[in-house]
């Protein structure tokens, strides 16, 4: 290799190294966070969060119990402390935990203690599972705000509980409203959830 071409090659390599190094120092995207809520049938609370700007991913599953690898059959046997739940992965720069709670309240009957609508039993009871002290504080403030909003004549009984390990549900439960839209809509209507939401909050656009 001639001296000229050697110098040219060296300069090009240095230029590439400089550009690569500069790119590597670009700030990484903000870290994502997760929120876990129980709201009765987990099929029914997933669509609203999937539509929300800032929500990256949702997974339905089980939270609140201690048995490893719980199945749908085990959870609905009502022999565990697990509740049908949803785990929401979100970008906190685009949507806040408080805003997620606002969506959550619109999906449930917060005055019902024994389950949600026609789904009655421990596994269908509503709950906000907090992951840290900040989430607990925000959840308590959100619940207090709802209680004084005048929307409900009965007390707000939704529990605020420390989160346990979240276990994803079986594949056939994920995005059920997309997999089986006709059955999903019939279930929402038949359970009374859809009419309750429309009466309380108005029909969504």
N, C-alpha and C. Protein backbone atom coordinates (compact mmCIF):
# COMPACT_ATOMS: atom_id res chain seq x y z
N UNK A 1 0.87 -1.20 0.00
CA UNK A 1 0.00 0.00 0.00
C UNK A 1 0.89 1.23 0.00
N UNK A 2 0.61 2.20 -0.89
CA UNK A 2 1.44 3.41 -0.95
C UNK A 2 1.17 4.27 0.27
N UNK A 3 2.11 5.18 0.54
CA UNK A 3 1.98 6.08 1.70
C UNK A 3 0.72 6.94 1.58
N UNK A 4 0.39 7.35 0.34
CA UNK A 4 -0.80 8.19 0.14
C UNK A 4 -2.08 7.45 0.52
N UNK A 5 -2.20 6.23 -0.01
CA UNK A 5 -3.41 5.45 0.27
C UNK A 5 -3.50 5.03 1.74
N UNK A 6 -2.31 4.80 2.36
CA UNK A 6 -2.31 4.45 3.79
C UNK A 6 -2.86 5.59 4.62
N UNK A 7 -2.40 6.82 4.31
CA UNK A 7 -2.89 8.00 5.05
C UNK A 7 -4.39 8.22 4.79
N UNK A 8 -4.82 8.02 3.56
CA UNK A 8 -6.23 8.20 3.22
C UNK A 8 -7.09 7.20 3.98
N UNK A 9 -6.64 5.96 4.06
CA UNK A 9 -7.36 4.91 4.78
C UNK A 9 -7.43 5.23 6.27
N UNK A 10 -6.33 5.73 6.83
CA UNK A 10 -6.28 6.07 8.26
C UNK A 10 -7.25 7.20 8.59
N UNK A 11 -7.28 8.21 7.73
CA UNK A 11 -8.19 9.34 7.97
C UNK A 11 -9.65 8.90 7.91
N UNK A 12 -9.96 8.03 6.95
CA UNK A 12 -11.33 7.53 6.83
C UNK A 12 -11.73 6.73 8.05
N UNK A 13 -10.82 5.91 8.55
CA UNK A 13 -11.10 5.10 9.73
C UNK A 13 -11.35 5.98 10.95
N UNK A 14 -10.55 7.04 11.09
CA UNK A 14 -10.73 7.96 12.22
C UNK A 14 -12.06 8.67 12.13
N UNK A 15 -12.46 9.03 10.91
CA UNK A 15 -13.74 9.72 10.72
C UNK A 15 -14.89 8.81 11.11
N UNK A 16 -14.84 7.55 10.70
CA UNK A 16 -15.88 6.59 11.06
C UNK A 16 -15.92 6.39 12.56
N UNK A 17 -14.75 6.31 13.16
CA UNK A 17 -14.67 6.12 14.62
C UNK A 17 -15.29 7.29 15.35
N UNK A 18 -15.05 8.51 14.86
CA UNK A 18 -15.59 9.71 15.50
C UNK A 18 -17.11 9.73 15.43
N UNK A 19 -17.65 9.42 14.22
CA UNK A 19 -19.10 9.43 14.03
C UNK A 19 -19.75 8.37 14.89
N UNK A 20 -19.16 7.17 14.93
CA UNK A 20 -19.71 6.08 15.73
C UNK A 20 -19.69 6.42 17.19
N UNK A 21 -18.61 7.02 17.64
CA UNK A 21 -18.52 7.39 19.06
C UNK A 21 -19.53 8.44 19.44
N UNK A 22 -19.75 9.41 18.55
CA UNK A 22 -20.73 10.45 18.82
C UNK A 22 -22.13 9.86 18.92
N UNK A 23 -22.44 8.93 18.00
CA UNK A 23 -23.77 8.31 17.98
C UNK A 23 -24.01 7.50 19.25
N UNK A 24 -22.95 6.86 19.74
CA UNK A 24 -23.09 6.01 20.92
C UNK A 24 -23.44 6.82 22.16
N UNK A 25 -23.13 8.11 22.14
CA UNK A 25 -23.38 8.94 23.30
C UNK A 25 -24.77 9.58 23.27
N UNK A 26 -25.58 9.28 22.24
CA UNK A 26 -26.94 9.81 22.17
C UNK A 26 -27.76 9.27 23.34
N UNK A 27 -28.47 10.12 24.05
CA UNK A 27 -29.25 9.66 25.21
C UNK A 27 -30.23 8.55 24.84
N UNK A 28 -30.31 7.53 25.67
CA UNK A 28 -31.23 6.41 25.43
C UNK A 28 -32.66 6.85 25.73
N UNK A 29 -33.65 6.20 25.11
CA UNK A 29 -35.05 6.52 25.40
C UNK A 29 -35.37 6.34 26.88
N UNK A 30 -36.36 7.06 27.36
CA UNK A 30 -36.75 6.95 28.76
C UNK A 30 -37.16 5.51 29.08
N UNK A 31 -36.85 5.05 30.28
CA UNK A 31 -37.18 3.70 30.70
C UNK A 31 -38.69 3.53 30.80
N UNK A 32 -39.16 2.38 30.45
CA UNK A 32 -40.59 2.09 30.56
C UNK A 32 -40.92 1.67 32.00
N UNK A 33 -42.20 1.71 32.33
CA UNK A 33 -42.67 1.27 33.63
C UNK A 33 -43.85 0.31 33.43
N UNK A 34 -44.22 -0.36 34.50
CA UNK A 34 -45.38 -1.25 34.42
C UNK A 34 -46.38 -0.91 35.52
N UNK A 35 -47.64 -1.17 35.23
CA UNK A 35 -48.72 -1.00 36.21
C UNK A 35 -49.57 -2.26 36.15
N UNK A 36 -50.10 -2.68 37.30
CA UNK A 36 -50.92 -3.89 37.35
C UNK A 36 -52.25 -3.58 38.03
N UNK A 37 -53.34 -3.89 37.34
CA UNK A 37 -54.69 -3.66 37.86
C UNK A 37 -55.52 -4.94 37.72
N UNK A 38 -56.41 -5.17 38.67
CA UNK A 38 -57.41 -6.23 38.56
C UNK A 38 -58.77 -5.57 38.41
N UNK A 39 -59.57 -6.07 37.46
CA UNK A 39 -60.85 -5.42 37.20
C UNK A 39 -61.92 -6.39 36.75
N UNK A 40 -61.96 -7.55 37.38
CA UNK A 40 -62.92 -8.56 36.94
C UNK A 40 -62.38 -9.28 35.73
N UNK A 41 -63.24 -9.66 34.82
CA UNK A 41 -62.82 -10.38 33.61
C UNK A 41 -61.72 -9.61 32.89
N UNK A 42 -60.54 -10.22 32.78
CA UNK A 42 -59.42 -9.48 32.19
C UNK A 42 -59.57 -9.24 30.70
N UNK A 43 -60.44 -10.02 30.03
CA UNK A 43 -60.70 -9.72 28.62
C UNK A 43 -61.23 -8.30 28.45
N UNK A 44 -62.08 -7.90 29.41
CA UNK A 44 -62.86 -6.67 29.24
C UNK A 44 -62.09 -5.39 29.56
N UNK A 45 -61.00 -5.49 30.30
CA UNK A 45 -60.28 -4.26 30.65
C UNK A 45 -59.07 -4.02 29.74
N UNK A 46 -58.79 -4.96 28.84
CA UNK A 46 -57.62 -4.81 27.98
C UNK A 46 -57.81 -3.80 26.85
N UNK A 47 -58.95 -3.76 26.15
CA UNK A 47 -59.08 -2.88 24.99
C UNK A 47 -58.81 -1.41 25.28
N UNK A 48 -59.30 -0.89 26.37
CA UNK A 48 -59.15 0.54 26.66
C UNK A 48 -57.68 0.93 26.83
N UNK A 49 -56.91 0.05 27.45
CA UNK A 49 -55.49 0.35 27.65
C UNK A 49 -54.71 0.20 26.34
N UNK A 50 -55.11 -0.74 25.51
CA UNK A 50 -54.45 -0.91 24.22
C UNK A 50 -54.62 0.33 23.34
N UNK A 51 -55.70 1.05 23.52
CA UNK A 51 -55.98 2.24 22.71
C UNK A 51 -55.23 3.48 23.21
N UNK A 52 -54.75 3.45 24.45
CA UNK A 52 -54.19 4.65 25.07
C UNK A 52 -52.81 5.00 24.53
N UNK A 53 -52.62 6.26 24.18
CA UNK A 53 -51.32 6.74 23.73
C UNK A 53 -50.32 6.65 24.89
N UNK A 54 -49.18 6.07 24.61
CA UNK A 54 -48.15 5.92 25.65
C UNK A 54 -48.08 4.52 26.21
N UNK A 55 -49.13 3.72 25.97
CA UNK A 55 -49.11 2.32 26.40
C UNK A 55 -48.38 1.51 25.33
N UNK A 56 -47.36 0.80 25.73
CA UNK A 56 -46.52 0.05 24.81
C UNK A 56 -47.01 -1.39 24.63
N UNK A 57 -47.44 -1.99 25.73
CA UNK A 57 -47.86 -3.39 25.68
C UNK A 57 -48.78 -3.70 26.84
N UNK A 58 -49.73 -4.59 26.63
CA UNK A 58 -50.56 -5.08 27.73
C UNK A 58 -50.58 -6.61 27.69
N UNK A 59 -50.59 -7.20 28.85
CA UNK A 59 -50.66 -8.65 29.00
C UNK A 59 -51.67 -8.96 30.10
N UNK A 60 -52.61 -9.85 29.85
CA UNK A 60 -53.54 -10.25 30.90
C UNK A 60 -52.98 -11.46 31.62
N UNK A 61 -53.31 -11.56 32.91
CA UNK A 61 -52.76 -12.66 33.70
C UNK A 61 -53.28 -12.65 35.12
N UNK A 62 -52.43 -13.04 36.04
CA UNK A 62 -52.85 -13.26 37.42
C UNK A 62 -51.89 -12.59 38.39
N UNK A 63 -52.45 -11.94 39.40
CA UNK A 63 -51.63 -11.27 40.42
C UNK A 63 -52.35 -11.37 41.76
N UNK A 64 -51.56 -11.35 42.84
CA UNK A 64 -52.14 -11.35 44.18
C UNK A 64 -51.94 -12.62 44.96
N UNK A 65 -51.56 -13.69 44.28
CA UNK A 65 -51.37 -14.97 44.96
C UNK A 65 -49.91 -15.33 45.11
N UNK A 66 -49.67 -16.55 45.57
CA UNK A 66 -48.30 -16.98 45.82
C UNK A 66 -47.90 -18.27 45.11
N UNK A 67 -48.88 -19.05 44.66
CA UNK A 67 -48.56 -20.30 43.98
C UNK A 67 -47.83 -20.01 42.66
N UNK A 68 -46.77 -20.77 42.36
CA UNK A 68 -46.05 -20.54 41.10
C UNK A 68 -46.82 -21.07 39.89
N UNK A 69 -46.65 -20.38 38.76
CA UNK A 69 -47.25 -20.80 37.49
C UNK A 69 -48.75 -21.10 37.59
N UNK A 70 -49.54 -20.16 38.07
CA UNK A 70 -50.99 -20.43 38.19
C UNK A 70 -51.63 -20.57 36.81
N UNK A 71 -52.62 -21.42 36.74
CA UNK A 71 -53.39 -21.61 35.50
C UNK A 71 -54.75 -20.96 35.66
N UNK A 72 -55.44 -20.77 34.55
CA UNK A 72 -56.80 -20.22 34.59
C UNK A 72 -57.71 -21.12 35.42
N UNK A 73 -57.55 -22.41 35.25
CA UNK A 73 -58.38 -23.37 35.99
C UNK A 73 -58.15 -23.26 37.49
N UNK A 74 -56.89 -23.09 37.89
CA UNK A 74 -56.58 -22.96 39.31
C UNK A 74 -57.12 -21.65 39.87
N UNK A 75 -56.90 -20.56 39.17
CA UNK A 75 -57.33 -19.25 39.66
C UNK A 75 -58.84 -19.17 39.79
N UNK A 76 -59.57 -19.67 38.78
CA UNK A 76 -61.03 -19.58 38.82
C UNK A 76 -61.67 -20.65 39.73
N UNK A 77 -60.86 -21.52 40.28
CA UNK A 77 -61.37 -22.46 41.28
C UNK A 77 -61.63 -21.74 42.60
N UNK A 78 -61.12 -20.51 42.70
CA UNK A 78 -61.26 -19.64 43.88
C UNK A 78 -60.57 -20.24 45.12
N UNK A 79 -59.53 -21.03 44.88
CA UNK A 79 -58.78 -21.61 45.99
C UNK A 79 -57.45 -20.90 46.21
N UNK A 80 -57.22 -19.82 45.46
CA UNK A 80 -55.99 -19.04 45.62
C UNK A 80 -56.38 -17.59 45.89
N UNK A 81 -55.37 -16.76 46.08
CA UNK A 81 -55.61 -15.33 46.27
C UNK A 81 -55.40 -14.55 44.97
N UNK A 82 -55.16 -15.28 43.89
CA UNK A 82 -54.95 -14.61 42.60
C UNK A 82 -56.24 -13.95 42.10
N UNK A 83 -56.03 -12.86 41.36
CA UNK A 83 -57.14 -12.17 40.70
C UNK A 83 -56.80 -12.00 39.23
N UNK A 84 -57.80 -12.08 38.39
CA UNK A 84 -57.58 -11.80 36.98
C UNK A 84 -57.12 -10.35 36.86
N UNK A 85 -56.00 -10.14 36.19
CA UNK A 85 -55.35 -8.83 36.19
C UNK A 85 -54.80 -8.49 34.81
N UNK A 86 -54.30 -7.27 34.71
CA UNK A 86 -53.64 -6.83 33.49
C UNK A 86 -52.35 -6.12 33.87
N UNK A 87 -51.28 -6.44 33.15
CA UNK A 87 -50.01 -5.74 33.32
C UNK A 87 -49.81 -4.82 32.13
N UNK A 88 -49.60 -3.54 32.43
CA UNK A 88 -49.48 -2.52 31.39
C UNK A 88 -48.06 -1.98 31.38
N UNK A 89 -47.40 -2.10 30.25
CA UNK A 89 -46.08 -1.50 30.07
C UNK A 89 -46.28 -0.17 29.35
N UNK A 90 -45.76 0.90 29.94
CA UNK A 90 -46.04 2.22 29.38
C UNK A 90 -44.82 3.14 29.43
N UNK A 91 -44.90 4.17 28.63
CA UNK A 91 -43.86 5.20 28.56
C UNK A 91 -44.31 6.36 29.45
N UNK A 92 -43.64 6.57 30.59
CA UNK A 92 -44.09 7.62 31.52
C UNK A 92 -43.93 9.04 30.99
N UNK A 93 -43.21 9.20 29.87
CA UNK A 93 -43.11 10.54 29.27
C UNK A 93 -44.33 10.86 28.41
N UNK A 94 -45.15 9.82 28.13
CA UNK A 94 -46.32 10.02 27.28
C UNK A 94 -47.64 9.81 28.03
N UNK A 95 -47.61 9.01 29.06
CA UNK A 95 -48.82 8.78 29.86
C UNK A 95 -48.38 8.52 31.30
N UNK A 96 -49.09 9.09 32.25
CA UNK A 96 -48.70 8.97 33.65
C UNK A 96 -49.47 7.84 34.34
N UNK A 97 -48.98 7.44 35.50
CA UNK A 97 -49.67 6.42 36.29
C UNK A 97 -51.07 6.91 36.67
N UNK A 98 -51.17 8.18 36.98
CA UNK A 98 -52.48 8.75 37.33
C UNK A 98 -53.45 8.67 36.16
N UNK A 99 -52.97 8.90 34.95
CA UNK A 99 -53.83 8.80 33.77
C UNK A 99 -54.25 7.36 33.51
N UNK A 100 -53.37 6.42 33.79
CA UNK A 100 -53.74 5.01 33.67
C UNK A 100 -54.86 4.68 34.65
N UNK A 101 -54.78 5.22 35.85
CA UNK A 101 -55.83 5.01 36.85
C UNK A 101 -57.16 5.60 36.38
N UNK A 102 -57.10 6.75 35.73
CA UNK A 102 -58.33 7.35 35.20
C UNK A 102 -59.00 6.42 34.19
N UNK A 103 -58.19 5.77 33.37
CA UNK A 103 -58.73 4.80 32.41
C UNK A 103 -59.30 3.60 33.16
N UNK A 104 -58.57 3.14 34.15
CA UNK A 104 -58.98 1.96 34.92
C UNK A 104 -60.34 2.16 35.57
N UNK A 105 -60.56 3.29 36.22
CA UNK A 105 -61.82 3.52 36.92
C UNK A 105 -63.01 3.43 35.97
N UNK A 106 -62.80 3.78 34.71
CA UNK A 106 -63.89 3.78 33.73
C UNK A 106 -64.23 2.38 33.20
N UNK A 107 -63.42 1.40 33.59
CA UNK A 107 -63.65 0.03 33.11
C UNK A 107 -64.37 -0.85 34.13
N UNK A 108 -64.50 -0.38 35.36
CA UNK A 108 -65.01 -1.23 36.44
C UNK A 108 -66.17 -0.57 37.19
N UNK A 109 -66.79 -1.34 38.07
CA UNK A 109 -67.72 -0.79 39.05
C UNK A 109 -66.97 -0.75 40.38
N UNK A 110 -66.46 0.41 40.77
CA UNK A 110 -65.63 0.49 41.96
C UNK A 110 -66.41 0.36 43.27
N UNK A 111 -67.73 0.22 43.18
CA UNK A 111 -68.55 0.05 44.39
C UNK A 111 -68.88 -1.42 44.66
N UNK A 112 -68.47 -2.31 43.77
CA UNK A 112 -68.77 -3.73 43.92
C UNK A 112 -67.60 -4.45 44.57
N UNK A 113 -67.87 -5.12 45.68
CA UNK A 113 -66.80 -5.75 46.46
C UNK A 113 -66.63 -7.24 46.20
N UNK A 114 -67.65 -7.90 45.69
CA UNK A 114 -67.60 -9.37 45.57
C UNK A 114 -67.17 -9.86 44.20
N UNK A 115 -66.78 -8.97 43.32
CA UNK A 115 -66.38 -9.33 41.97
C UNK A 115 -66.65 -8.15 41.05
N UNK A 116 -66.93 -8.43 39.79
CA UNK A 116 -67.28 -7.38 38.85
C UNK A 116 -68.43 -7.83 37.97
N UNK A 117 -69.56 -7.12 38.12
CA UNK A 117 -70.76 -7.39 37.34
C UNK A 117 -71.22 -8.82 37.59
N UNK A 118 -71.43 -9.62 36.56
CA UNK A 118 -71.94 -10.98 36.80
C UNK A 118 -70.82 -11.96 37.18
N UNK A 119 -69.58 -11.53 37.09
CA UNK A 119 -68.46 -12.38 37.52
C UNK A 119 -68.22 -12.16 39.01
N UNK A 120 -68.67 -13.11 39.80
CA UNK A 120 -68.58 -12.98 41.25
C UNK A 120 -67.64 -14.03 41.81
N UNK A 121 -66.80 -13.62 42.73
CA UNK A 121 -65.84 -14.53 43.35
C UNK A 121 -64.53 -13.81 43.61
N UNK A 122 -63.70 -14.34 44.48
CA UNK A 122 -62.43 -13.68 44.85
C UNK A 122 -61.53 -13.35 43.66
N UNK A 123 -61.51 -14.21 42.65
CA UNK A 123 -60.60 -13.97 41.52
C UNK A 123 -61.06 -12.82 40.62
N UNK A 124 -62.30 -12.36 40.82
CA UNK A 124 -62.84 -11.27 39.99
C UNK A 124 -62.92 -9.94 40.73
N UNK A 125 -62.41 -9.92 41.96
CA UNK A 125 -62.48 -8.66 42.71
C UNK A 125 -61.48 -7.64 42.16
N UNK A 126 -61.91 -6.40 42.12
CA UNK A 126 -61.07 -5.33 41.59
C UNK A 126 -59.98 -4.94 42.59
N UNK A 127 -58.83 -4.55 42.07
CA UNK A 127 -57.73 -4.11 42.93
C UNK A 127 -56.70 -3.35 42.10
N UNK A 128 -56.06 -2.41 42.76
CA UNK A 128 -54.91 -1.72 42.20
C UNK A 128 -53.68 -2.30 42.91
N UNK A 129 -52.80 -2.92 42.16
CA UNK A 129 -51.60 -3.51 42.74
C UNK A 129 -50.43 -2.53 42.58
N UNK A 130 -50.02 -1.94 43.67
CA UNK A 130 -48.93 -0.95 43.59
C UNK A 130 -47.57 -1.62 43.74
N UNK A 131 -46.60 -1.06 43.00
CA UNK A 131 -45.26 -1.62 43.04
C UNK A 131 -44.30 -0.89 43.94
N UNK A 132 -44.67 0.31 44.38
CA UNK A 132 -43.80 1.10 45.26
C UNK A 132 -44.65 2.13 46.00
N UNK A 133 -43.99 2.87 46.89
CA UNK A 133 -44.70 3.84 47.73
C UNK A 133 -45.33 4.96 46.91
N UNK A 134 -44.65 5.35 45.83
CA UNK A 134 -45.18 6.42 44.99
C UNK A 134 -46.50 6.00 44.34
N UNK A 135 -46.53 4.78 43.80
CA UNK A 135 -47.76 4.29 43.17
C UNK A 135 -48.88 4.17 44.20
N UNK A 136 -48.55 3.72 45.39
CA UNK A 136 -49.57 3.60 46.44
C UNK A 136 -50.17 4.97 46.76
N UNK A 137 -49.32 5.97 46.87
CA UNK A 137 -49.79 7.32 47.19
C UNK A 137 -50.68 7.86 46.08
N UNK A 138 -50.27 7.67 44.82
CA UNK A 138 -51.06 8.15 43.69
C UNK A 138 -52.40 7.42 43.61
N UNK A 139 -52.37 6.11 43.86
CA UNK A 139 -53.60 5.31 43.82
C UNK A 139 -54.58 5.75 44.91
N UNK A 140 -54.08 6.00 46.09
CA UNK A 140 -54.95 6.43 47.19
C UNK A 140 -55.57 7.79 46.89
N UNK A 141 -54.77 8.68 46.32
CA UNK A 141 -55.28 10.02 45.97
C UNK A 141 -56.33 9.92 44.85
N UNK A 142 -56.09 9.04 43.89
CA UNK A 142 -57.04 8.85 42.79
C UNK A 142 -58.35 8.27 43.29
N UNK A 143 -58.27 7.33 44.20
CA UNK A 143 -59.47 6.72 44.78
C UNK A 143 -60.26 7.75 45.59
N UNK A 144 -59.56 8.58 46.35
CA UNK A 144 -60.22 9.63 47.13
C UNK A 144 -60.90 10.65 46.22
N UNK A 145 -60.24 10.98 45.12
CA UNK A 145 -60.81 11.91 44.15
C UNK A 145 -62.10 11.36 43.55
N UNK A 146 -62.08 10.06 43.23
CA UNK A 146 -63.27 9.43 42.67
C UNK A 146 -64.41 9.41 43.68
N UNK A 147 -64.06 9.18 44.94
CA UNK A 147 -65.08 9.10 46.00
C UNK A 147 -65.81 10.43 46.19
N UNK A 148 -65.15 11.53 45.90
CA UNK A 148 -65.75 12.85 46.08
C UNK A 148 -66.26 13.46 44.76
N UNK A 149 -66.21 12.65 43.68
CA UNK A 149 -66.58 13.17 42.37
C UNK A 149 -68.08 13.27 42.17
N UNK A 150 -68.86 12.55 43.00
CA UNK A 150 -70.30 12.54 42.83
C UNK A 150 -70.79 11.54 41.81
N UNK A 151 -69.88 10.75 41.22
CA UNK A 151 -70.27 9.76 40.23
C UNK A 151 -71.02 8.58 40.84
N UNK A 152 -70.70 8.28 42.09
CA UNK A 152 -71.26 7.09 42.72
C UNK A 152 -71.88 7.43 44.08
N UNK A 153 -73.05 6.85 44.34
CA UNK A 153 -73.71 7.06 45.62
C UNK A 153 -73.19 6.11 46.69
N UNK A 154 -72.71 4.94 46.25
CA UNK A 154 -72.17 3.96 47.18
C UNK A 154 -70.68 4.20 47.41
N UNK A 155 -70.12 3.67 48.50
CA UNK A 155 -68.68 3.84 48.78
C UNK A 155 -67.81 3.17 47.71
N UNK A 156 -66.64 3.71 47.50
CA UNK A 156 -65.66 3.12 46.60
C UNK A 156 -64.90 2.06 47.39
N UNK A 157 -65.01 0.82 46.96
CA UNK A 157 -64.46 -0.29 47.75
C UNK A 157 -63.28 -0.99 47.07
N UNK A 158 -62.87 -0.53 45.92
CA UNK A 158 -61.73 -1.14 45.22
C UNK A 158 -60.50 -1.11 46.11
N UNK A 159 -59.84 -2.26 46.24
CA UNK A 159 -58.70 -2.36 47.14
C UNK A 159 -57.41 -1.86 46.49
N UNK A 160 -56.50 -1.38 47.32
CA UNK A 160 -55.16 -0.97 46.89
C UNK A 160 -54.19 -1.87 47.64
N UNK A 161 -53.51 -2.75 46.90
CA UNK A 161 -52.74 -3.82 47.52
C UNK A 161 -51.31 -3.86 46.98
N UNK A 162 -50.37 -4.36 47.79
CA UNK A 162 -49.00 -4.52 47.28
C UNK A 162 -48.97 -5.60 46.21
N UNK A 163 -48.24 -5.35 45.16
CA UNK A 163 -48.18 -6.30 44.04
C UNK A 163 -47.34 -7.53 44.41
N UNK A 164 -47.80 -8.67 43.95
CA UNK A 164 -46.99 -9.88 43.99
C UNK A 164 -46.52 -10.14 42.55
N UNK A 165 -45.84 -11.23 42.33
CA UNK A 165 -45.38 -11.54 40.97
C UNK A 165 -46.57 -11.68 40.04
N UNK A 166 -46.46 -11.06 38.89
CA UNK A 166 -47.50 -11.16 37.86
C UNK A 166 -47.18 -12.33 36.94
N UNK A 167 -48.19 -13.18 36.71
CA UNK A 167 -48.03 -14.32 35.82
C UNK A 167 -48.93 -14.16 34.61
N UNK A 168 -48.38 -14.16 33.39
CA UNK A 168 -49.21 -14.05 32.18
C UNK A 168 -50.18 -15.22 32.07
N UNK A 169 -51.37 -14.93 31.57
CA UNK A 169 -52.37 -15.98 31.35
C UNK A 169 -52.06 -16.74 30.06
N UNK A 170 -52.81 -17.77 29.83
CA UNK A 170 -52.64 -18.59 28.65
C UNK A 170 -52.86 -17.76 27.37
N UNK A 171 -52.25 -18.21 26.28
CA UNK A 171 -52.28 -17.45 25.03
C UNK A 171 -53.70 -17.15 24.54
N UNK A 172 -54.61 -18.07 24.74
CA UNK A 172 -55.96 -17.85 24.19
C UNK A 172 -56.72 -16.74 24.91
N UNK A 173 -56.19 -16.28 26.05
CA UNK A 173 -56.81 -15.16 26.75
C UNK A 173 -56.28 -13.80 26.26
N UNK A 174 -55.11 -13.81 25.64
CA UNK A 174 -54.48 -12.55 25.24
C UNK A 174 -55.21 -11.93 24.05
N UNK A 175 -55.53 -10.63 24.20
CA UNK A 175 -56.25 -9.90 23.14
C UNK A 175 -57.50 -10.67 22.72
N UNK A 176 -58.23 -11.16 23.68
CA UNK A 176 -59.41 -11.96 23.36
C UNK A 176 -60.40 -11.18 22.52
N UNK A 177 -60.48 -9.88 22.76
CA UNK A 177 -61.43 -9.06 22.01
C UNK A 177 -61.09 -9.01 20.53
N UNK A 178 -59.85 -9.32 20.17
CA UNK A 178 -59.48 -9.39 18.76
C UNK A 178 -59.63 -10.81 18.23
N UNK A 179 -59.33 -11.78 19.05
CA UNK A 179 -59.42 -13.18 18.62
C UNK A 179 -60.87 -13.63 18.41
N UNK A 180 -61.75 -13.17 19.30
CA UNK A 180 -63.16 -13.58 19.25
C UNK A 180 -64.07 -12.37 19.46
N UNK A 181 -64.08 -11.44 18.51
CA UNK A 181 -64.81 -10.18 18.71
C UNK A 181 -66.31 -10.35 18.97
N UNK A 182 -66.97 -11.28 18.29
CA UNK A 182 -68.41 -11.44 18.48
C UNK A 182 -68.73 -11.96 19.87
N UNK A 183 -67.99 -12.96 20.30
CA UNK A 183 -68.22 -13.50 21.65
C UNK A 183 -67.87 -12.46 22.71
N UNK A 184 -66.80 -11.71 22.47
CA UNK A 184 -66.39 -10.68 23.42
C UNK A 184 -67.48 -9.63 23.59
N UNK A 185 -68.01 -9.13 22.49
CA UNK A 185 -69.04 -8.09 22.57
C UNK A 185 -70.30 -8.62 23.24
N UNK A 186 -70.65 -9.85 22.94
CA UNK A 186 -71.83 -10.44 23.57
C UNK A 186 -71.63 -10.59 25.08
N UNK A 187 -70.42 -10.95 25.46
CA UNK A 187 -70.11 -11.11 26.88
C UNK A 187 -70.16 -9.76 27.61
N UNK A 188 -69.59 -8.75 27.00
CA UNK A 188 -69.60 -7.41 27.62
C UNK A 188 -71.02 -6.90 27.81
N UNK A 189 -71.84 -7.13 26.81
CA UNK A 189 -73.23 -6.70 26.90
C UNK A 189 -73.99 -7.53 27.92
N UNK A 190 -73.82 -8.84 27.84
CA UNK A 190 -74.56 -9.74 28.72
C UNK A 190 -74.20 -9.61 30.18
N UNK A 191 -72.95 -9.25 30.45
CA UNK A 191 -72.50 -9.11 31.84
C UNK A 191 -73.00 -7.83 32.49
N UNK A 192 -73.44 -6.87 31.66
CA UNK A 192 -73.89 -5.59 32.19
C UNK A 192 -72.77 -4.55 32.26
N UNK A 193 -71.56 -4.95 31.92
CA UNK A 193 -70.43 -4.02 32.01
C UNK A 193 -70.57 -2.87 31.02
N UNK A 194 -70.93 -3.20 29.77
CA UNK A 194 -71.02 -2.18 28.73
C UNK A 194 -72.08 -1.13 29.07
N UNK A 195 -73.25 -1.57 29.50
CA UNK A 195 -74.31 -0.61 29.82
C UNK A 195 -73.95 0.22 31.04
N UNK A 196 -73.26 -0.39 32.00
CA UNK A 196 -72.84 0.35 33.20
C UNK A 196 -71.86 1.46 32.81
N UNK A 197 -70.90 1.14 31.97
CA UNK A 197 -69.91 2.15 31.55
C UNK A 197 -70.58 3.28 30.78
N UNK A 198 -71.50 2.92 29.89
CA UNK A 198 -72.18 3.95 29.11
C UNK A 198 -73.03 4.86 30.00
N UNK A 199 -73.71 4.26 30.97
CA UNK A 199 -74.57 5.05 31.86
C UNK A 199 -73.75 5.95 32.77
N UNK A 200 -72.63 5.45 33.25
CA UNK A 200 -71.81 6.20 34.21
C UNK A 200 -70.93 7.25 33.56
N UNK A 201 -70.31 6.87 32.44
CA UNK A 201 -69.30 7.73 31.83
C UNK A 201 -69.68 8.24 30.45
N UNK A 202 -70.73 7.71 29.87
CA UNK A 202 -71.08 8.07 28.51
C UNK A 202 -70.43 7.13 27.51
N UNK A 203 -71.03 7.01 26.37
CA UNK A 203 -70.51 6.10 25.35
C UNK A 203 -69.21 6.65 24.77
N UNK A 204 -68.21 5.76 24.64
CA UNK A 204 -66.93 6.18 24.08
C UNK A 204 -67.09 6.51 22.60
N UNK A 205 -66.30 7.48 22.09
CA UNK A 205 -66.39 7.80 20.66
C UNK A 205 -66.02 6.60 19.80
